[in-house]
Amino acid sequence: MALRQGRRGSGPPTEDHRTWEEFPDANSAHFRSRRLAPVPQRARIVLSGMDVDRVNFAEETETICVSKYGLSVRTSYNLALGQELSIRAKDKSRVAQFQVVWVGKPNTPGDGRVGME
């Protein structure tokens, strides 16, 4: 959880951390005003790697949002921050490597979702 200085350097530091529920929807004014907003895009992919229990897996799933710097996907496996995974578009042979940078908390709307760069 990062701390940042208050507005224009005055005031106490504030938390710069959001839960999935607090994160703006990709269609919200917050993202429409940003140049590199994530785009809601569903694409069938094959996600593969090793879960937190050190079990190799390959799972057919889908993307949720895609941006220039990363994507979010649905998964039924327990994954950890910093973990490296491979993603292949279901109908393509090209494979890309990604690192997990966000994991949805259990029993929240983000459960079963991960963000990767």
C-alpha atoms as a PDB file:
ATOM      1  CA  MET A   1       0.000   0.000   0.000  1.00  0.00           C
ATOM      2  CA  ALA A   2       1.641   3.228  -1.150  1.00  0.00           C
ATOM      3  CA  LEU A   3       1.309   6.575   0.585  1.00  0.00           C
ATOM      4  CA  ARG A   4       1.292   9.816  -1.310  1.00  0.00           C
ATOM      5  CA  GLN A   5       1.376  13.414  -0.208  1.00  0.00           C
ATOM      6  CA  GLY A   6      -1.954  15.242   0.021  1.00  0.00           C
ATOM      7  CA  ARG A   7      -3.121  17.690  -2.643  1.00  0.00           C
ATOM      8  CA  ARG A   8      -0.319  20.038  -3.807  1.00  0.00           C
ATOM      9  CA  GLY A   9       2.009  18.732  -1.134  1.00  0.00           C
ATOM     10  CA  SER A  10      -0.051  20.017   1.787  1.00  0.00           C
ATOM     11  CA  GLY A  11      -1.797  17.903   4.334  1.00  0.00           C
ATOM     12  CA  PRO A  12      -1.080  14.398   5.558  1.00  0.00           C
ATOM     13  CA  PRO A  13      -0.232  11.515   3.226  1.00  0.00           C
ATOM     14  CA  THR A  14      -3.206   9.551   1.938  1.00  0.00           C
ATOM     15  CA  GLU A  15      -3.519   5.880   1.017  1.00  0.00           C
ATOM     16  CA  ASP A  16      -3.192   5.211  -2.683  1.00  0.00           C
ATOM     17  CA  HIS A  17      -4.842   1.804  -2.626  1.00  0.00           C
ATOM     18  CA  ARG A  18      -8.185   0.711  -3.974  1.00  0.00           C
ATOM     19  CA  THR A  19     -10.093  -2.484  -3.585  1.00  0.00           C
ATOM     20  CA  TRP A  20     -11.737  -4.009  -6.662  1.00  0.00           C
ATOM     21  CA  GLU A  21     -15.119  -2.595  -5.583  1.00  0.00           C
ATOM     22  CA  GLU A  22     -13.671   0.930  -5.430  1.00  0.00           C
ATOM     23  CA  PHE A  23     -11.801   0.730  -8.724  1.00  0.00           C
ATOM     24  CA  PRO A  24     -13.559   2.758 -11.440  1.00  0.00           C
ATOM     25  CA  ASP A  25     -15.369   0.907 -14.193  1.00  0.00           C
ATOM     26  CA  ALA A  26     -13.598   1.041 -17.556  1.00  0.00           C
ATOM     27  CA  ASN A  27     -16.581   2.986 -18.945  1.00  0.00           C
ATOM     28  CA  SER A  28     -16.544   5.599 -16.169  1.00  0.00           C
ATOM     29  CA  ALA A  29     -15.614   9.244 -16.651  1.00  0.00           C
ATOM     30  CA  HIS A  30     -12.353   8.526 -14.773  1.00  0.00           C
ATOM     31  CA  PHE A  31     -11.112   6.195 -17.507  1.00  0.00           C
ATOM     32  CA  ARG A  32     -12.677   8.065 -20.421  1.00  0.00           C
ATOM     33  CA  SER A  33     -10.551  11.046 -19.390  1.00  0.00           C
ATOM     34  CA  ARG A  34      -7.346   8.994 -19.458  1.00  0.00           C
ATOM     35  CA  ARG A  35      -5.410   8.414 -22.633  1.00  0.00           C
ATOM     36  CA  LEU A  36      -4.442   4.801 -21.942  1.00  0.00           C
ATOM     37  CA  ALA A  37      -7.654   3.519 -20.402  1.00  0.00           C
ATOM     38  CA  PRO A  38      -8.210  -0.234 -20.175  1.00  0.00           C
ATOM     39  CA  VAL A  39     -10.695  -1.433 -22.753  1.00  0.00           C
ATOM     40  CA  PRO A  40     -13.282  -4.056 -21.809  1.00  0.00           C
ATOM     41  CA  GLN A  41     -12.443  -6.870 -24.191  1.00  0.00           C
ATOM     42  CA  ARG A  42     -13.317 -10.532 -23.975  1.00  0.00           C
ATOM     43  CA  ALA A  43     -10.998 -12.872 -25.801  1.00  0.00           C
ATOM     44  CA  ARG A  44     -10.585 -16.606 -25.325  1.00  0.00           C
ATOM     45  CA  ILE A  45      -7.101 -17.434 -24.063  1.00  0.00           C
ATOM     46  CA  VAL A  46      -5.083 -20.278 -22.592  1.00  0.00           C
ATOM     47  CA  LEU A  47      -3.474 -19.245 -19.290  1.00  0.00           C
ATOM     48  CA  SER A  48      -0.642 -21.500 -18.119  1.00  0.00           C
ATOM     49  CA  GLY A  49       1.937 -21.608 -15.365  1.00  0.00           C
ATOM     50  CA  MET A  50       2.292 -22.853 -11.816  1.00  0.00           C
ATOM     51  CA  ASP A  51      -0.195 -22.005  -9.039  1.00  0.00           C
ATOM     52  CA  VAL A  52       0.675 -21.188  -5.405  1.00  0.00           C
ATOM     53  CA  ASP A  53       0.560 -24.912  -4.561  1.00  0.00           C
ATOM     54  CA  ARG A  54       3.317 -25.472  -7.189  1.00  0.00           C
ATOM     55  CA  VAL A  55       0.961 -27.372  -9.508  1.00  0.00           C
ATOM     56  CA  ASN A  56       1.417 -26.811 -13.254  1.00  0.00           C
ATOM     57  CA  PHE A  57      -1.780 -25.842 -15.045  1.00  0.00           C
ATOM     58  CA  ALA A  58      -3.155 -24.797 -18.417  1.00  0.00           C
ATOM     59  CA  GLU A  59      -6.615 -23.251 -18.270  1.00  0.00           C
ATOM     60  CA  GLU A  60      -8.920 -22.068 -21.034  1.00  0.00           C
ATOM     61  CA  THR A  61     -10.350 -18.746 -19.847  1.00  0.00           C
ATOM     62  CA  GLU A  62     -11.029 -15.205 -21.073  1.00  0.00           C
ATOM     63  CA  THR A  63      -9.717 -11.676 -20.724  1.00  0.00           C
ATOM     64  CA  ILE A  64     -11.802  -9.041 -18.933  1.00  0.00           C
ATOM     65  CA  CYS A  65      -9.974  -5.811 -19.829  1.00  0.00           C
ATOM     66  CA  VAL A  66      -6.936  -5.096 -21.967  1.00  0.00           C
ATOM     67  CA  SER A  67      -4.694  -2.014 -22.017  1.00  0.00           C
ATOM     68  CA  LYS A  68      -1.379  -1.032 -23.541  1.00  0.00           C
ATOM     69  CA  TYR A  69       0.422  -2.196 -20.390  1.00  0.00           C
ATOM     70  CA  GLY A  70      -1.441  -5.329 -19.340  1.00  0.00           C
ATOM     71  CA  LEU A  71      -4.698  -7.163 -18.909  1.00  0.00           C
ATOM     72  CA  SER A  72      -7.056  -8.707 -16.399  1.00  0.00           C
ATOM     73  CA  VAL A  73      -8.310 -12.270 -16.712  1.00  0.00           C
ATOM     74  CA  ARG A  74     -10.559 -14.746 -14.957  1.00  0.00           C
ATOM     75  CA  THR A  75      -8.970 -17.823 -13.411  1.00  0.00           C
ATOM     76  CA  SER A  76      -9.970 -20.658 -11.112  1.00  0.00           C
ATOM     77  CA  TYR A  77      -6.396 -21.101  -9.798  1.00  0.00           C
ATOM     78  CA  ASN A  78      -4.792 -19.490  -6.748  1.00  0.00           C
ATOM     79  CA  LEU A  79      -2.067 -17.165  -7.979  1.00  0.00           C
ATOM     80  CA  ALA A  80       0.385 -14.903  -6.162  1.00  0.00           C
ATOM     81  CA  LEU A  81       1.754 -11.443  -6.846  1.00  0.00           C
ATOM     82  CA  GLY A  82       4.940 -11.521  -8.898  1.00  0.00           C
ATOM     83  CA  GLN A  83       4.164 -14.894 -10.408  1.00  0.00           C
ATOM     84  CA  GLU A  84       5.044 -15.335 -14.091  1.00  0.00           C
ATOM     85  CA  LEU A  85       2.446 -16.861 -16.406  1.00  0.00           C
ATOM     86  CA  SER A  86       2.106 -17.568 -20.110  1.00  0.00           C
ATOM     87  CA  ILE A  87      -0.867 -16.475 -22.184  1.00  0.00           C
ATOM     88  CA  ARG A  88      -1.795 -17.712 -25.637  1.00  0.00           C
ATOM     89  CA  ALA A  89      -4.776 -16.564 -27.661  1.00  0.00           C
ATOM     90  CA  LYS A  90      -6.916 -19.657 -28.136  1.00  0.00           C
ATOM     91  CA  ASP A  91      -6.784 -19.519 -31.937  1.00  0.00           C
ATOM     92  CA  LYS A  92      -3.144 -18.348 -32.250  1.00  0.00           C
ATOM     93  CA  SER A  93       0.219 -19.980 -31.684  1.00  0.00           C
ATOM     94  CA  ARG A  94       2.021 -16.891 -30.320  1.00  0.00           C
ATOM     95  CA  VAL A  95       2.703 -16.975 -26.554  1.00  0.00           C
ATOM     96  CA  ALA A  96       3.429 -13.992 -24.278  1.00  0.00           C
ATOM     97  CA  GLN A  97       4.824 -13.890 -20.743  1.00  0.00           C
ATOM     98  CA  PHE A  98       3.127 -11.802 -18.047  1.00  0.00           C
ATOM     99  CA  GLN A  99       3.627 -11.132 -14.351  1.00  0.00           C
ATOM    100  CA  VAL A 100       0.764 -11.052 -11.827  1.00  0.00           C
ATOM    101  CA  VAL A 101       0.448  -7.542 -10.329  1.00  0.00           C
ATOM    102  CA  TRP A 102      -3.014  -7.750  -8.750  1.00  0.00           C
ATOM    103  CA  VAL A 103      -5.081 -10.612  -7.280  1.00  0.00           C
ATOM    104  CA  GLY A 104      -8.790 -10.274  -6.437  1.00  0.00           C
ATOM    105  CA  LYS A 105      -9.698 -10.937  -2.823  1.00  0.00           C
ATOM    106  CA  PRO A 106     -11.933 -13.939  -2.016  1.00  0.00           C
ATOM    107  CA  ASN A 107     -15.639 -13.254  -1.514  1.00  0.00           C
ATOM    108  CA  THR A 108     -15.499  -9.894  -3.324  1.00  0.00           C
ATOM    109  CA  PRO A 109     -16.471  -8.965  -6.897  1.00  0.00           C
ATOM    110  CA  GLY A 110     -12.762  -9.363  -7.790  1.00  0.00           C
ATOM    111  CA  ASP A 111     -12.677 -13.011  -6.653  1.00  0.00           C
ATOM    112  CA  GLY A 112     -11.244 -15.184  -9.435  1.00  0.00           C
ATOM    113  CA  ARG A 113      -9.669 -12.267 -11.294  1.00  0.00           C
ATOM    114  CA  VAL A 114      -6.009 -11.299 -11.677  1.00  0.00           C
ATOM    115  CA  GLY A 115      -4.252  -8.336 -13.252  1.00  0.00           C
ATOM    116  CA  MET A 116      -1.054  -8.853 -15.215  1.00  0.00           C
ATOM    117  CA  GLU A 117       1.614  -6.747 -16.902  1.00  0.00           C
END
